[in-house]
Protein backbone atom coordinates (compact mmCIF):
# COMPACT_ATOMS: atom_id res chain seq x y z
CA MET A 1 15.81 16.63 -20.36
CA GLU A 2 13.03 18.91 -21.54
CA LYS A 3 11.35 21.29 -19.11
CA ARG A 4 8.01 19.92 -17.93
CA GLU A 5 5.04 21.84 -16.62
CA PRO A 6 4.36 21.26 -12.91
CA VAL A 7 1.42 19.04 -12.01
CA THR A 8 -0.85 20.26 -9.22
CA VAL A 9 -3.43 18.00 -7.59
CA SER A 10 -5.55 18.34 -4.49
CA GLY A 11 -8.13 16.49 -2.47
CA THR A 12 -8.98 14.97 0.86
CA LEU A 13 -7.96 11.40 1.65
CA THR A 14 -10.79 9.07 2.72
CA VAL A 15 -10.61 6.33 5.33
CA ASP A 16 -11.16 3.69 2.62
CA GLU A 17 -8.20 5.00 0.60
CA PHE A 18 -6.04 4.95 3.72
CA LYS A 19 -7.13 1.34 4.40
CA LYS A 20 -6.15 0.41 0.82
CA TYR A 21 -2.73 2.00 1.33
CA GLN A 22 -2.23 0.03 4.55
CA ALA A 23 -3.45 -3.21 2.92
CA TYR A 24 -1.07 -2.71 -0.02
CA HIS A 25 1.75 -2.03 2.38
CA VAL A 26 1.29 -5.28 4.39
CA ARG A 27 0.22 -7.62 1.56
CA ARG A 28 3.56 -9.47 1.36
CA ILE A 29 3.65 -9.96 5.11
CA ASN A 30 0.09 -11.32 5.06
CA LEU A 31 0.86 -13.74 2.21
CA SER A 32 4.06 -14.92 3.91
CA PHE A 33 2.13 -15.43 7.14
CA PHE A 34 -0.53 -17.44 5.29
CA PHE A 35 2.00 -19.76 3.58
CA VAL A 36 4.00 -20.36 6.76
CA LEU A 37 0.79 -21.31 8.57
CA LEU A 38 -0.28 -23.49 5.65
CA VAL A 39 2.99 -25.43 5.81
CA LEU A 40 2.87 -25.74 9.61
CA PHE A 41 -0.74 -26.93 9.66
CA THR A 42 -0.06 -29.33 6.77
CA TYR A 43 2.87 -30.80 8.69
CA MET A 44 0.72 -31.09 11.80
CA PHE A 45 -2.17 -32.79 9.94
CA VAL A 46 0.17 -35.19 8.06
CA SER A 47 1.26 -36.65 11.37
CA VAL A 48 -2.41 -37.32 12.29
CA ILE A 49 -3.67 -38.76 8.99
CA ASP A 50 -2.94 -42.44 8.61
CA ALA A 51 -2.66 -43.04 4.87
CA ILE A 52 -0.13 -43.36 2.08
CA TRP A 53 2.26 -40.39 2.34
CA PHE A 54 1.17 -38.90 -1.01
CA ILE A 55 -2.52 -39.02 -0.09
CA SER A 56 -1.95 -37.82 3.46
CA ILE A 57 -0.04 -34.73 2.24
CA TRP A 58 -2.91 -33.74 -0.08
CA PHE A 59 -5.57 -34.25 2.59
CA ALA A 60 -3.45 -32.49 5.19
CA ALA A 61 -2.93 -29.49 2.86
CA LEU A 62 -6.66 -29.39 2.17
CA PHE A 63 -7.47 -29.43 5.90
CA ALA A 64 -4.73 -26.86 6.56
CA LEU A 65 -6.42 -24.34 4.24
CA VAL A 66 -9.24 -23.81 6.74
CA PRO A 67 -7.27 -22.64 9.80
CA SER A 68 -4.70 -20.82 7.63
CA GLY A 69 -7.46 -18.97 5.80
CA PHE A 70 -9.17 -18.15 9.08
CA PHE A 71 -5.96 -16.67 10.51
CA LEU A 72 -5.34 -14.68 7.31
CA LEU A 73 -8.89 -13.29 7.45
CA SER A 74 -8.38 -12.39 11.11
CA VAL A 75 -5.12 -10.57 10.38
CA LYS A 76 -6.69 -8.65 7.48
CA THR A 77 -9.64 -7.64 9.68
CA PHE A 78 -7.27 -6.51 12.43
CA ASN A 79 -5.19 -4.50 9.93
CA ARG A 80 -8.29 -2.75 8.52
CA HIS A 81 -9.44 -1.88 12.03
CA ARG A 82 -5.96 -0.61 12.96
CA ALA A 83 -5.78 1.49 9.77
CA LYS A 84 -9.17 3.04 10.52
CA LYS A 85 -8.09 3.93 14.07
CA GLU A 86 -4.80 5.37 12.80
CA PHE A 87 -6.61 7.48 10.19
CA GLU A 88 -9.14 8.74 12.73
CA SER A 89 -6.37 9.78 15.13
CA ASP A 90 -4.48 11.72 12.41
CA SER A 91 -6.14 15.15 12.35
CA ILE A 92 -4.00 16.36 9.43
CA ALA A 93 -5.17 13.51 7.18
CA HIS A 94 -8.75 14.84 7.29
CA ASN A 95 -7.82 18.10 5.58
CA GLU A 96 -7.61 18.95 1.92
CA MET A 97 -4.04 18.59 0.68
CA THR A 98 -2.55 20.22 -2.37
CA TYR A 99 0.55 18.80 -4.05
CA THR A 100 2.60 20.41 -6.79
CA PHE A 101 5.07 18.13 -8.56
CA SER A 102 7.82 19.81 -10.56
CA GLU A 103 11.35 19.00 -11.66
CA GLU A 104 12.64 20.74 -8.53
CA GLY A 105 10.61 18.66 -6.07
CA VAL A 106 7.26 18.29 -4.34
CA HIS A 107 5.41 21.12 -2.62
CA GLN A 108 2.73 20.00 -0.14
CA LYS A 109 0.19 22.41 1.31
CA VAL A 110 -2.12 21.43 4.16
CA ARG A 111 -4.11 24.16 5.93
CA ARG A 112 -1.53 26.91 6.67
CA SER A 113 1.40 24.51 6.53
CA ASP A 114 3.79 24.30 3.56
CA ASN A 115 6.20 21.39 3.17
CA TYR A 116 8.80 20.92 0.49
CA TYR A 117 10.40 17.61 -0.51
CA GLU A 118 13.36 17.24 -2.79
CA TRP A 119 13.31 14.28 -5.15
CA SER A 120 16.23 12.74 -3.27
CA ASP A 121 13.86 12.39 -0.28
CA PHE A 122 11.85 9.73 -2.16
CA SER A 123 12.81 6.12 -2.65
CA SER A 124 10.13 4.86 -5.04
CA LEU A 125 6.72 5.28 -6.66
CA GLU A 126 4.23 2.42 -6.48
CA GLU A 127 0.99 2.39 -8.45
CA THR A 128 -2.13 0.46 -7.51
CA PRO A 129 -5.41 0.48 -9.43
CA GLU A 130 -6.66 3.39 -7.29
CA LEU A 131 -3.59 5.01 -5.72
CA PHE A 132 -0.11 6.36 -6.32
CA LEU A 133 2.21 5.80 -3.36
CA LEU A 134 5.26 8.04 -3.28
CA TYR A 135 7.53 6.46 -0.65
CA VAL A 136 9.75 8.61 1.56
CA SER A 137 10.86 5.56 3.59
CA LYS A 138 10.14 1.83 3.68
CA ARG A 139 6.95 2.32 5.68
CA LYS A 140 5.87 5.90 4.95
CA ALA A 141 4.39 7.25 1.74
CA ILE A 142 2.53 10.19 0.34
CA VAL A 143 -0.81 8.66 -0.64
CA LEU A 144 -2.26 10.12 -3.84
CA PRO A 145 -5.64 8.76 -4.90
CA LYS A 146 -6.01 8.79 -8.66
CA ARG A 147 -9.25 10.73 -8.23
CA PHE A 148 -7.10 13.75 -7.19
CA PHE A 149 -5.99 14.00 -10.83
CA LYS A 150 -8.15 15.78 -13.42
CA ASN A 151 -7.63 13.13 -16.09
CA LYS A 152 -5.36 10.32 -17.36
CA GLU A 153 -3.15 12.84 -19.15
CA GLN A 154 -2.36 14.58 -15.86
CA GLN A 155 -1.57 11.18 -14.29
CA GLU A 156 0.86 10.44 -17.14
CA GLN A 157 2.52 13.85 -16.72
CA PHE A 158 2.90 13.12 -13.01
CA LYS A 159 4.42 9.67 -13.65
CA GLN A 160 6.84 11.14 -16.20
CA ILE A 161 8.04 13.80 -13.75
CA VAL A 162 8.52 11.19 -11.04
CA ARG A 163 10.30 8.73 -13.38
CA GLU A 164 12.75 11.39 -14.50
CA SER A 165 13.32 12.70 -10.97
CA ILE A 166 13.58 9.62 -8.73
CA HIS A 167 16.75 7.65 -9.18
CA GLU A 168 15.88 4.15 -7.98
């Protein structure tokens, strides 16, 4: 393995970026919730519609989309509100953070605090259109907006360091 130059990025996380992280994190749960409700409402409406079974299933599924969609929208709204409240209550998240990624690990600097993570502390790297999520547990990640990086080349260097260092 060739020696790579460390990648250093810094910036301040915004509430919208934190909301996107939270939304990404709960997307599977939300979709599962939607489909379970869709099936339950379809079953409930099938018993009410008096028609040939094939036609009643299609009409019931169509009618079931409305309450299922409403509940999904409600859950998403609740999650966005909860993420905003969580971000607002986290005083550290409002500060500029500097991360240095090297073959040895990750150095995080926030105000006068220095933290060091070894690569074995991370379980995975997820990439969204706007964020990199470096997971330290199933539900906790270092959130790195792509705007923290100077350019695409620096993003690629970062991804290469992470790929070579995290053993998934």
